[in-house]
Amino acid sequence: MKIMSARDAKNHFGEFLDSARREPVVVTRNDRPVGIMISIEDAADTLIPDLFMDKEAGYDEWLFGKVSRTMARVDAGETGLHEHADAMAQLKERLKAGLARKAV
């Protein structure tokens, strides 16, 4: 991860953008981290789109239904819950597979 001062980021903005496309760049002011710049591709793999982008109409209802049906399956013993680390590993694998399909 690269670190740049706010002044350097401002004075060398093109380099700042190029660096952020390769890896996250921490921006500092008075030697303290104040922000981070990541590429739009990296942002797509985070919760940022969910937090800041408009959702399609009906998304909240769809999500509520999906979670409700899953919880009903858990309660009925049709499926089980995963430990957090296992669930995150499975999620990362699914994201990698999805990105690989998009790249083709």
PDB file of N, CA and C in Angstrom:
ATOM      1  N   MET A   1       0.843  -1.167   0.000  1.00  0.00           N
ATOM      2  CA  MET A   1       0.000   0.000   0.000  1.00  0.00           C
ATOM      3  C   MET A   1       0.889   1.231   0.000  1.00  0.00           C
ATOM      4  N   LYS A   2       0.578   2.155  -0.875  1.00  0.00           N
ATOM      5  CA  LYS A   2       1.369   3.372  -0.996  1.00  0.00           C
ATOM      6  C   LYS A   2       0.821   4.440  -0.059  1.00  0.00           C
ATOM      7  N   ILE A   3       1.689   5.339   0.378  1.00  0.00           N
ATOM      8  CA  ILE A   3       1.299   6.456   1.237  1.00  0.00           C
ATOM      9  C   ILE A   3       1.750   7.746   0.567  1.00  0.00           C
ATOM     10  N   MET A   4       0.847   8.725   0.478  1.00  0.00           N
ATOM     11  CA  MET A   4       1.174  10.040  -0.090  1.00  0.00           C
ATOM     12  C   MET A   4       0.618  11.117   0.831  1.00  0.00           C
ATOM     13  N   SER A   5       1.346  12.206   0.946  1.00  0.00           N
ATOM     14  CA  SER A   5       0.805  13.341   1.693  1.00  0.00           C
ATOM     15  C   SER A   5      -0.276  14.007   0.846  1.00  0.00           C
ATOM     16  N   ALA A   6      -1.172  14.702   1.486  1.00  0.00           N
ATOM     17  CA  ALA A   6      -2.226  15.414   0.767  1.00  0.00           C
ATOM     18  C   ALA A   6      -1.610  16.411  -0.214  1.00  0.00           C
ATOM     19  N   ARG A   7      -0.542  17.047   0.189  1.00  0.00           N
ATOM     20  CA  ARG A   7       0.129  18.011  -0.684  1.00  0.00           C
ATOM     21  C   ARG A   7       0.681  17.323  -1.934  1.00  0.00           C
ATOM     22  N   ASP A   8       1.355  16.176  -1.745  1.00  0.00           N
ATOM     23  CA  ASP A   8       1.890  15.446  -2.894  1.00  0.00           C
ATOM     24  C   ASP A   8       0.757  14.947  -3.798  1.00  0.00           C
ATOM     25  N   ALA A   9      -0.317  14.476  -3.190  1.00  0.00           N
ATOM     26  CA  ALA A   9      -1.463  14.003  -3.981  1.00  0.00           C
ATOM     27  C   ALA A   9      -2.019  15.149  -4.825  1.00  0.00           C
ATOM     28  N   LYS A  10      -2.101  16.342  -4.248  1.00  0.00           N
ATOM     29  CA  LYS A  10      -2.606  17.508  -4.978  1.00  0.00           C
ATOM     30  C   LYS A  10      -1.630  17.932  -6.076  1.00  0.00           C
ATOM     31  N   ASN A  11      -0.361  18.002  -5.743  1.00  0.00           N
ATOM     32  CA  ASN A  11       0.635  18.492  -6.696  1.00  0.00           C
ATOM     33  C   ASN A  11       0.978  17.482  -7.789  1.00  0.00           C
ATOM     34  N   HIS A  12       0.731  16.216  -7.538  1.00  0.00           N
ATOM     35  CA  HIS A  12       1.038  15.148  -8.499  1.00  0.00           C
ATOM     36  C   HIS A  12      -0.206  14.294  -8.713  1.00  0.00           C
ATOM     37  N   PHE A  13      -1.310  14.951  -9.035  1.00  0.00           N
ATOM     38  CA  PHE A  13      -2.598  14.274  -9.085  1.00  0.00           C
ATOM     39  C   PHE A  13      -2.616  13.122 -10.087  1.00  0.00           C
ATOM     40  N   GLY A  14      -2.018  13.297 -11.236  1.00  0.00           N
ATOM     41  CA  GLY A  14      -1.972  12.227 -12.232  1.00  0.00           C
ATOM     42  C   GLY A  14      -1.268  10.994 -11.691  1.00  0.00           C
ATOM     43  N   GLU A  15      -0.134  11.199 -11.045  1.00  0.00           N
ATOM     44  CA  GLU A  15       0.597  10.086 -10.433  1.00  0.00           C
ATOM     45  C   GLU A  15      -0.245   9.440  -9.325  1.00  0.00           C
ATOM     46  N   PHE A  16      -0.937  10.288  -8.555  1.00  0.00           N
ATOM     47  CA  PHE A  16      -1.816   9.808  -7.490  1.00  0.00           C
ATOM     48  C   PHE A  16      -2.883   8.873  -8.063  1.00  0.00           C
ATOM     49  N   LEU A  17      -3.528   9.290  -9.154  1.00  0.00           N
ATOM     50  CA  LEU A  17      -4.557   8.455  -9.781  1.00  0.00           C
ATOM     51  C   LEU A  17      -3.970   7.159 -10.329  1.00  0.00           C
ATOM     52  N   ASP A  18      -2.812   7.265 -10.987  1.00  0.00           N
ATOM     53  CA  ASP A  18      -2.163   6.059 -11.519  1.00  0.00           C
ATOM     54  C   ASP A  18      -1.810   5.082 -10.403  1.00  0.00           C
ATOM     55  N   SER A  19      -1.309   5.603  -9.296  1.00  0.00           N
ATOM     56  CA  SER A  19      -0.958   4.740  -8.162  1.00  0.00           C
ATOM     57  C   SER A  19      -2.191   4.045  -7.605  1.00  0.00           C
ATOM     58  N   ALA A  20      -3.301   4.790  -7.499  1.00  0.00           N
ATOM     59  CA  ALA A  20      -4.535   4.226  -6.943  1.00  0.00           C
ATOM     60  C   ALA A  20      -5.106   3.127  -7.833  1.00  0.00           C
ATOM     61  N   ARG A  21      -4.810   3.176  -9.124  1.00  0.00           N
ATOM     62  CA  ARG A  21      -5.275   2.098 -10.016  1.00  0.00           C
ATOM     63  C   ARG A  21      -4.505   0.815  -9.766  1.00  0.00           C
ATOM     64  N   ARG A  22      -3.266   0.927  -9.274  1.00  0.00           N
ATOM     65  CA  ARG A  22      -2.429  -0.253  -9.017  1.00  0.00           C
ATOM     66  C   ARG A  22      -2.634  -0.816  -7.613  1.00  0.00           C
ATOM     67  N   GLU A  23      -2.825   0.061  -6.627  1.00  0.00           N
ATOM     68  CA  GLU A  23      -2.943  -0.362  -5.232  1.00  0.00           C
ATOM     69  C   GLU A  23      -3.587   0.769  -4.428  1.00  0.00           C
ATOM     70  N   PRO A  24      -4.158   0.466  -3.267  1.00  0.00           N
ATOM     71  CA  PRO A  24      -4.722   1.532  -2.442  1.00  0.00           C
ATOM     72  C   PRO A  24      -3.651   2.543  -2.042  1.00  0.00           C
ATOM     73  N   VAL A  25      -4.032   3.811  -1.977  1.00  0.00           N
ATOM     74  CA  VAL A  25      -3.108   4.871  -1.586  1.00  0.00           C
ATOM     75  C   VAL A  25      -3.677   5.574  -0.358  1.00  0.00           C
ATOM     76  N   VAL A  26      -2.925   5.540   0.728  1.00  0.00           N
ATOM     77  CA  VAL A  26      -3.326   6.234   1.942  1.00  0.00           C
ATOM     78  C   VAL A  26      -2.854   7.689   1.826  1.00  0.00           C
ATOM     79  N   VAL A  27      -3.761   8.618   2.097  1.00  0.00           N
ATOM     80  CA  VAL A  27      -3.433  10.044   2.045  1.00  0.00           C
ATOM     81  C   VAL A  27      -3.251  10.527   3.480  1.00  0.00           C
ATOM     82  N   THR A  28      -2.134  11.235   3.710  1.00  0.00           N
ATOM     83  CA  THR A  28      -1.843  11.727   5.053  1.00  0.00           C
ATOM     84  C   THR A  28      -1.812  13.244   5.085  1.00  0.00           C
ATOM     85  N   ARG A  29      -2.068  13.789   6.244  1.00  0.00           N
ATOM     86  CA  ARG A  29      -1.903  15.212   6.509  1.00  0.00           C
ATOM     87  C   ARG A  29      -1.247  15.302   7.876  1.00  0.00           C
ATOM     88  N   ASN A  30      -0.156  16.017   7.958  1.00  0.00           N
ATOM     89  CA  ASN A  30       0.624  16.099   9.204  1.00  0.00           C
ATOM     90  C   ASN A  30       0.988  14.701   9.713  1.00  0.00           C
ATOM     91  N   ASP A  31       1.382  13.853   8.776  1.00  0.00           N
ATOM     92  CA  ASP A  31       1.827  12.479   9.068  1.00  0.00           C
ATOM     93  C   ASP A  31       0.752  11.600   9.704  1.00  0.00           C
ATOM     94  N   ARG A  32      -0.531  11.980   9.537  1.00  0.00           N
ATOM     95  CA  ARG A  32      -1.634  11.160  10.038  1.00  0.00           C
ATOM     96  C   ARG A  32      -2.527  10.762   8.864  1.00  0.00           C
ATOM     97  N   PRO A  33      -2.953   9.517   8.817  1.00  0.00           N
ATOM     98  CA  PRO A  33      -3.848   9.102   7.724  1.00  0.00           C
ATOM     99  C   PRO A  33      -5.177   9.844   7.814  1.00  0.00           C
ATOM    100  N   VAL A  34      -5.615  10.385   6.665  1.00  0.00           N
ATOM    101  CA  VAL A  34      -6.891  11.098   6.625  1.00  0.00           C
ATOM    102  C   VAL A  34      -7.838  10.534   5.570  1.00  0.00           C
ATOM    103  N   GLY A  35      -7.326   9.697   4.697  1.00  0.00           N
ATOM    104  CA  GLY A  35      -8.177   9.137   3.656  1.00  0.00           C
ATOM    105  C   GLY A  35      -7.459   8.042   2.913  1.00  0.00           C
ATOM    106  N   ILE A  36      -8.221   7.416   2.023  1.00  0.00           N
ATOM    107  CA  ILE A  36      -7.655   6.360   1.198  1.00  0.00           C
ATOM    108  C   ILE A  36      -8.288   6.449  -0.178  1.00  0.00           C
ATOM    109  N   MET A  37      -7.502   6.246  -1.197  1.00  0.00           N
ATOM    110  CA  MET A  37      -7.996   6.243  -2.576  1.00  0.00           C
ATOM    111  C   MET A  37      -7.808   4.833  -3.112  1.00  0.00           C
ATOM    112  N   ILE A  38      -8.914   4.268  -3.645  1.00  0.00           N
ATOM    113  CA  ILE A  38      -8.843   2.964  -4.286  1.00  0.00           C
ATOM    114  C   ILE A  38      -9.448   3.089  -5.678  1.00  0.00           C
ATOM    115  N   SER A  39      -9.087   2.171  -6.531  1.00  0.00           N
ATOM    116  CA  SER A  39      -9.617   2.194  -7.892  1.00  0.00           C
ATOM    117  C   SER A  39     -11.089   1.828  -7.877  1.00  0.00           C
ATOM    118  N   ILE A  40     -11.797   2.199  -8.928  1.00  0.00           N
ATOM    119  CA  ILE A  40     -13.209   1.851  -9.045  1.00  0.00           C
ATOM    120  C   ILE A  40     -13.371   0.339  -9.122  1.00  0.00           C
ATOM    121  N   GLU A  41     -12.401  -0.356  -9.724  1.00  0.00           N
ATOM    122  CA  GLU A  41     -12.456  -1.817  -9.789  1.00  0.00           C
ATOM    123  C   GLU A  41     -12.358  -2.425  -8.391  1.00  0.00           C
ATOM    124  N   ASP A  42     -11.454  -1.895  -7.564  1.00  0.00           N
ATOM    125  CA  ASP A  42     -11.340  -2.385  -6.190  1.00  0.00           C
ATOM    126  C   ASP A  42     -12.578  -2.028  -5.379  1.00  0.00           C
ATOM    127  N   ALA A  43     -13.139  -0.861  -5.631  1.00  0.00           N
ATOM    128  CA  ALA A  43     -14.335  -0.436  -4.894  1.00  0.00           C
ATOM    129  C   ALA A  43     -15.510  -1.353  -5.181  1.00  0.00           C
ATOM    130  N   ALA A  44     -15.571  -1.904  -6.387  1.00  0.00           N
ATOM    131  CA  ALA A  44     -16.675  -2.797  -6.749  1.00  0.00           C
ATOM    132  C   ALA A  44     -16.678  -4.055  -5.894  1.00  0.00           C
ATOM    133  N   ASP A  45     -15.518  -4.428  -5.337  1.00  0.00           N
ATOM    134  CA  ASP A  45     -15.405  -5.622  -4.499  1.00  0.00           C
ATOM    135  C   ASP A  45     -15.688  -5.340  -3.026  1.00  0.00           C
ATOM    136  N   THR A  46     -16.138  -4.121  -2.702  1.00  0.00           N
ATOM    137  CA  THR A  46     -16.410  -3.743  -1.320  1.00  0.00           C
ATOM    138  C   THR A  46     -17.889  -3.455  -1.133  1.00  0.00           C
ATOM    139  N   LEU A  47     -18.235  -2.953   0.019  1.00  0.00           N
ATOM    140  CA  LEU A  47     -19.618  -2.544   0.300  1.00  0.00           C
ATOM    141  C   LEU A  47     -19.909  -1.131  -0.193  1.00  0.00           C
ATOM    142  N   ILE A  48     -18.916  -0.444  -0.743  1.00  0.00           N
ATOM    143  CA  ILE A  48     -19.109   0.937  -1.178  1.00  0.00           C
ATOM    144  C   ILE A  48     -20.278   1.086  -2.143  1.00  0.00           C
ATOM    145  N   PRO A  49     -20.390   0.229  -3.173  1.00  0.00           N
ATOM    146  CA  PRO A  49     -21.544   0.399  -4.070  1.00  0.00           C
ATOM    147  C   PRO A  49     -22.881   0.289  -3.335  1.00  0.00           C
ATOM    148  N   ASP A  50     -22.964  -0.621  -2.360  1.00  0.00           N
ATOM    149  CA  ASP A  50     -24.205  -0.772  -1.606  1.00  0.00           C
ATOM    150  C   ASP A  50     -24.509   0.463  -0.768  1.00  0.00           C
ATOM    151  N   LEU A  51     -23.472   1.134  -0.293  1.00  0.00           N
ATOM    152  CA  LEU A  51     -23.676   2.272   0.590  1.00  0.00           C
ATOM    153  C   LEU A  51     -23.964   3.572  -0.156  1.00  0.00           C
ATOM    154  N   PHE A  52     -23.395   3.730  -1.343  1.00  0.00           N
ATOM    155  CA  PHE A  52     -23.469   5.025  -2.005  1.00  0.00           C
ATOM    156  C   PHE A  52     -24.187   5.049  -3.343  1.00  0.00           C
ATOM    157  N   MET A  53     -24.500   3.908  -3.891  1.00  0.00           N
ATOM    158  CA  MET A  53     -25.150   3.893  -5.193  1.00  0.00           C
ATOM    159  C   MET A  53     -26.628   3.583  -5.026  1.00  0.00           C
ATOM    160  N   ASP A  54     -27.435   4.147  -5.900  1.00  0.00           N
ATOM    161  CA  ASP A  54     -28.868   3.887  -5.866  1.00  0.00           C
ATOM    162  C   ASP A  54     -29.137   2.428  -6.193  1.00  0.00           C
ATOM    163  N   LYS A  55     -30.067   1.865  -5.450  1.00  0.00           N
ATOM    164  CA  LYS A  55     -30.452   0.479  -5.694  1.00  0.00           C
ATOM    165  C   LYS A  55     -31.618   0.459  -6.671  1.00  0.00           C
ATOM    166  N   GLU A  56     -31.748  -0.636  -7.364  1.00  0.00           N
ATOM    167  CA  GLU A  56     -32.878  -0.795  -8.273  1.00  0.00           C
ATOM    168  C   GLU A  56     -34.163  -0.861  -7.466  1.00  0.00           C
ATOM    169  N   ALA A  57     -35.246  -0.424  -8.081  1.00  0.00           N
ATOM    170  CA  ALA A  57     -36.545  -0.498  -7.418  1.00  0.00           C
ATOM    171  C   ALA A  57     -36.843  -1.944  -7.048  1.00  0.00           C
ATOM    172  N   GLY A  58     -37.334  -2.166  -5.834  1.00  0.00           N
ATOM    173  CA  GLY A  58     -37.678  -3.501  -5.381  1.00  0.00           C
ATOM    174  C   GLY A  58     -36.535  -4.253  -4.727  1.00  0.00           C
ATOM    175  N   TYR A  59     -35.333  -3.670  -4.697  1.00  0.00           N
ATOM    176  CA  TYR A  59     -34.177  -4.372  -4.142  1.00  0.00           C
ATOM    177  C   TYR A  59     -34.375  -4.717  -2.669  1.00  0.00           C
ATOM    178  N   ASP A  60     -34.840  -3.742  -1.871  1.00  0.00           N
ATOM    179  CA  ASP A  60     -34.994  -3.991  -0.437  1.00  0.00           C
ATOM    180  C   ASP A  60     -35.991  -5.115  -0.180  1.00  0.00           C
ATOM    181  N   GLU A  61     -37.078  -5.147  -0.937  1.00  0.00           N
ATOM    182  CA  GLU A  61     -38.072  -6.211  -0.769  1.00  0.00           C
ATOM    183  C   GLU A  61     -37.483  -7.567  -1.174  1.00  0.00           C
ATOM    184  N   TRP A  62     -36.730  -7.581  -2.269  1.00  0.00           N
ATOM    185  CA  TRP A  62     -36.084  -8.818  -2.710  1.00  0.00           C
ATOM    186  C   TRP A  62     -35.130  -9.328  -1.634  1.00  0.00           C
ATOM    187  N   LEU A  63     -34.293  -8.426  -1.085  1.00  0.00           N
ATOM    188  CA  LEU A  63     -33.325  -8.824  -0.068  1.00  0.00           C
ATOM    189  C   LEU A  63     -34.030  -9.332   1.181  1.00  0.00           C
ATOM    190  N   PHE A  64     -35.077  -8.631   1.616  1.00  0.00           N
ATOM    191  CA  PHE A  64     -35.821  -9.059   2.791  1.00  0.00           C
ATOM    192  C   PHE A  64     -36.401 -10.455   2.573  1.00  0.00           C
ATOM    193  N   GLY A  65     -36.974 -10.693   1.404  1.00  0.00           N
ATOM    194  CA  GLY A  65     -37.531 -12.004   1.086  1.00  0.00           C
ATOM    195  C   GLY A  65     -36.471 -13.086   1.082  1.00  0.00           C
ATOM    196  N   LYS A  66     -35.327 -12.779   0.487  1.00  0.00           N
ATOM    197  CA  LYS A  66     -34.220 -13.743   0.417  1.00  0.00           C
ATOM    198  C   LYS A  66     -33.737 -14.123   1.820  1.00  0.00           C
ATOM    199  N   VAL A  67     -33.539 -13.116   2.670  1.00  0.00           N
ATOM    200  CA  VAL A  67     -33.069 -13.378   4.036  1.00  0.00           C
ATOM    201  C   VAL A  67     -34.136 -14.139   4.820  1.00  0.00           C
ATOM    202  N   SER A  68     -35.395 -13.750   4.666  1.00  0.00           N
ATOM    203  CA  SER A  68     -36.490 -14.423   5.382  1.00  0.00           C
ATOM    204  C   SER A  68     -36.589 -15.895   4.988  1.00  0.00           C
ATOM    205  N   ARG A  69     -36.497 -16.177   3.687  1.00  0.00           N
ATOM    206  CA  ARG A  69     -36.561 -17.569   3.233  1.00  0.00           C
ATOM    207  C   ARG A  69     -35.361 -18.375   3.741  1.00  0.00           C
ATOM    208  N   THR A  70     -34.197 -17.767   3.763  1.00  0.00           N
ATOM    209  CA  THR A  70     -33.007 -18.455   4.259  1.00  0.00           C
ATOM    210  C   THR A  70     -33.147 -18.766   5.742  1.00  0.00           C
ATOM    211  N   MET A  71     -33.607 -17.800   6.515  1.00  0.00           N
ATOM    212  CA  MET A  71     -33.780 -18.028   7.950  1.00  0.00           C
ATOM    213  C   MET A  71     -34.833 -19.110   8.209  1.00  0.00           C
ATOM    214  N   ALA A  72     -35.887 -19.149   7.397  1.00  0.00           N
ATOM    215  CA  ALA A  72     -36.901 -20.199   7.531  1.00  0.00           C
ATOM    216  C   ALA A  72     -36.285 -21.572   7.250  1.00  0.00           C
ATOM    217  N   ARG A  73     -35.382 -21.650   6.255  1.00  0.00           N
ATOM    218  CA  ARG A  73     -34.700 -22.916   5.950  1.00  0.00           C
ATOM    219  C   ARG A  73     -33.794 -23.337   7.103  1.00  0.00           C
ATOM    220  N   VAL A  74     -33.121 -22.366   7.731  1.00  0.00           N
ATOM    221  CA  VAL A  74     -32.268 -22.673   8.879  1.00  0.00           C
ATOM    222  C   VAL A  74     -33.134 -23.192  10.023  1.00  0.00           C
ATOM    223  N   ASP A  75     -34.239 -22.495  10.306  1.00  0.00           N
ATOM    224  CA  ASP A  75     -35.139 -22.910  11.392  1.00  0.00           C
ATOM    225  C   ASP A  75     -35.710 -24.300  11.149  1.00  0.00           C
ATOM    226  N   ALA A  76     -35.970 -24.646   9.893  1.00  0.00           N
ATOM    227  CA  ALA A  76     -36.539 -25.953   9.562  1.00  0.00           C
ATOM    228  C   ALA A  76     -35.471 -27.045   9.506  1.00  0.00           C
ATOM    229  N   GLY A  77     -34.212 -26.681   9.686  1.00  0.00           N
ATOM    230  CA  GLY A  77     -33.136 -27.664   9.652  1.00  0.00           C
ATOM    231  C   GLY A  77     -32.738 -28.081   8.249  1.00  0.00           C
ATOM    232  N   GLU A  78     -33.186 -27.340   7.241  1.00  0.00           N
ATOM    233  CA  GLU A  78     -32.861 -27.672   5.844  1.00  0.00           C
ATOM    234  C   GLU A  78     -31.450 -27.245   5.460  1.00  0.00           C
ATOM    235  N   THR A  79     -30.896 -26.347   6.199  1.00  0.00           N
ATOM    236  CA  THR A  79     -29.545 -25.857   5.939  1.00  0.00           C
ATOM    237  C   THR A  79     -28.935 -25.434   7.265  1.00  0.00           C
ATOM    238  N   GLY A  80     -27.650 -25.169   7.276  1.00  0.00           N
ATOM    239  CA  GLY A  80     -26.983 -24.773   8.511  1.00  0.00           C
ATOM    240  C   GLY A  80     -26.284 -23.437   8.358  1.00  0.00           C
ATOM    241  N   LEU A  81     -25.812 -22.959   9.469  1.00  0.00           N
ATOM    242  CA  LEU A  81     -25.056 -21.710   9.470  1.00  0.00           C
ATOM    243  C   LEU A  81     -23.571 -22.026   9.404  1.00  0.00           C
ATOM    244  N   HIS A  82     -22.800 -21.106   8.829  1.00  0.00           N
ATOM    245  CA  HIS A  82     -21.352 -21.267   8.711  1.00  0.00           C
ATOM    246  C   HIS A  82     -20.652 -20.346   9.694  1.00  0.00           C
ATOM    247  N   GLU A  83     -19.490 -20.758  10.118  1.00  0.00           N
ATOM    248  CA  GLU A  83     -18.648 -19.864  10.912  1.00  0.00           C
ATOM    249  C   GLU A  83     -18.255 -18.671  10.039  1.00  0.00           C
ATOM    250  N   HIS A  84     -18.034 -17.535  10.647  1.00  0.00           N
ATOM    251  CA  HIS A  84     -17.744 -16.305   9.908  1.00  0.00           C
ATOM    252  C   HIS A  84     -16.574 -16.484   8.937  1.00  0.00           C
ATOM    253  N   ALA A  85     -15.483 -17.045   9.410  1.00  0.00           N
ATOM    254  CA  ALA A  85     -14.291 -17.196   8.553  1.00  0.00           C
ATOM    255  C   ALA A  85     -14.601 -18.079   7.347  1.00  0.00           C
ATOM    256  N   ASP A  86     -15.360 -19.153   7.564  1.00  0.00           N
ATOM    257  CA  ASP A  86     -15.720 -20.039   6.457  1.00  0.00           C
ATOM    258  C   ASP A  86     -16.629 -19.325   5.455  1.00  0.00           C
ATOM    259  N   ALA A  87     -17.598 -18.582   5.982  1.00  0.00           N
ATOM    260  CA  ALA A  87     -18.523 -17.855   5.107  1.00  0.00           C
ATOM    261  C   ALA A  87     -17.771 -16.819   4.283  1.00  0.00           C
ATOM    262  N   MET A  88     -16.829 -16.110   4.901  1.00  0.00           N
ATOM    263  CA  MET A  88     -16.064 -15.095   4.176  1.00  0.00           C
ATOM    264  C   MET A  88     -15.191 -15.743   3.101  1.00  0.00           C
ATOM    265  N   ALA A  89     -14.609 -16.888   3.397  1.00  0.00           N
ATOM    266  CA  ALA A  89     -13.787 -17.588   2.402  1.00  0.00           C
ATOM    267  C   ALA A  89     -14.644 -18.019   1.216  1.00  0.00           C
ATOM    268  N   GLN A  90     -15.847 -18.538   1.481  1.00  0.00           N
ATOM    269  CA  GLN A  90     -16.743 -18.935   0.398  1.00  0.00           C
ATOM    270  C   GLN A  90     -17.161 -17.724  -0.423  1.00  0.00           C
ATOM    271  N   LEU A  91     -17.453 -16.611   0.251  1.00  0.00           N
ATOM    272  CA  LEU A  91     -17.848 -15.390  -0.449  1.00  0.00           C
ATOM    273  C   LEU A  91     -16.725 -14.885  -1.344  1.00  0.00           C
ATOM    274  N   LYS A  92     -15.499 -14.883  -0.842  1.00  0.00           N
ATOM    275  CA  LYS A  92     -14.358 -14.439  -1.649  1.00  0.00           C
ATOM    276  C   LYS A  92     -14.184 -15.315  -2.885  1.00  0.00           C
ATOM    277  N   GLU A  93     -14.353 -16.613  -2.724  1.00  0.00           N
ATOM    278  CA  GLU A  93     -14.235 -17.521  -3.867  1.00  0.00           C
ATOM    279  C   GLU A  93     -15.320 -17.238  -4.902  1.00  0.00           C
ATOM    280  N   ARG A  94     -16.552 -16.989  -4.441  1.00  0.00           N
ATOM    281  CA  ARG A  94     -17.632 -16.663  -5.372  1.00  0.00           C
ATOM    282  C   ARG A  94     -17.358 -15.349  -6.099  1.00  0.00           C
ATOM    283  N   LEU A  95     -16.837 -14.353  -5.380  1.00  0.00           N
ATOM    284  CA  LEU A  95     -16.512 -13.073  -6.020  1.00  0.00           C
ATOM    285  C   LEU A  95     -15.411 -13.258  -7.056  1.00  0.00           C
ATOM    286  N   LYS A  96     -14.372 -14.019  -6.718  1.00  0.00           N
ATOM    287  CA  LYS A  96     -13.289 -14.265  -7.676  1.00  0.00           C
ATOM    288  C   LYS A  96     -13.814 -14.974  -8.916  1.00  0.00           C
ATOM    289  N   ALA A  97     -14.684 -15.956  -8.712  1.00  0.00           N
ATOM    290  CA  ALA A  97     -15.253 -16.696  -9.854  1.00  0.00           C
ATOM    291  C   ALA A  97     -16.105 -15.764 -10.713  1.00  0.00           C
ATOM    292  N   GLY A  98     -16.876 -14.897 -10.080  1.00  0.00           N
ATOM    293  CA  GLY A  98     -17.697 -13.946 -10.829  1.00  0.00           C
ATOM    294  C   GLY A  98     -16.852 -12.965 -11.611  1.00  0.00           C
ATOM    295  N   LEU A  99     -15.784 -12.473 -11.009  1.00  0.00           N
ATOM    296  CA  LEU A  99     -14.896 -11.547 -11.715  1.00  0.00           C
ATOM    297  C   LEU A  99     -14.188 -12.239 -12.867  1.00  0.00           C
ATOM    298  N   ALA A 100     -13.819 -13.507 -12.678  1.00  0.00           N
ATOM    299  CA  ALA A 100     -13.165 -14.264 -13.747  1.00  0.00           C
ATOM    300  C   ALA A 100     -14.120 -14.441 -14.933  1.00  0.00           C
ATOM    301  N   ARG A 101     -15.415 -14.686 -14.654  1.00  0.00           N
ATOM    302  CA  ARG A 101     -16.399 -14.830 -15.734  1.00  0.00           C
ATOM    303  C   ARG A 101     -16.575 -13.514 -16.479  1.00  0.00           C
ATOM    304  N   LYS A 102     -16.564 -12.394 -15.761  1.00  0.00           N
ATOM    305  CA  LYS A 102     -16.718 -11.082 -16.396  1.00  0.00           C
ATOM    306  C   LYS A 102     -15.531 -10.751 -17.294  1.00  0.00           C
ATOM    307  N   ALA A 103     -14.345 -11.214 -16.900  1.00  0.00           N
ATOM    308  CA  ALA A 103     -13.126 -10.910 -17.651  1.00  0.00           C
ATOM    309  C   ALA A 103     -13.078 -11.658 -18.981  1.00  0.00           C
ATOM    310  N   VAL A 104     -13.820 -12.739 -19.086  1.00  0.00           N
ATOM    311  CA  VAL A 104     -13.795 -13.567 -20.312  1.00  0.00           C
ATOM    312  C   VAL A 104     -14.674 -12.995 -21.369  1.00  0.00           C
TER     313      VAL A 104
END
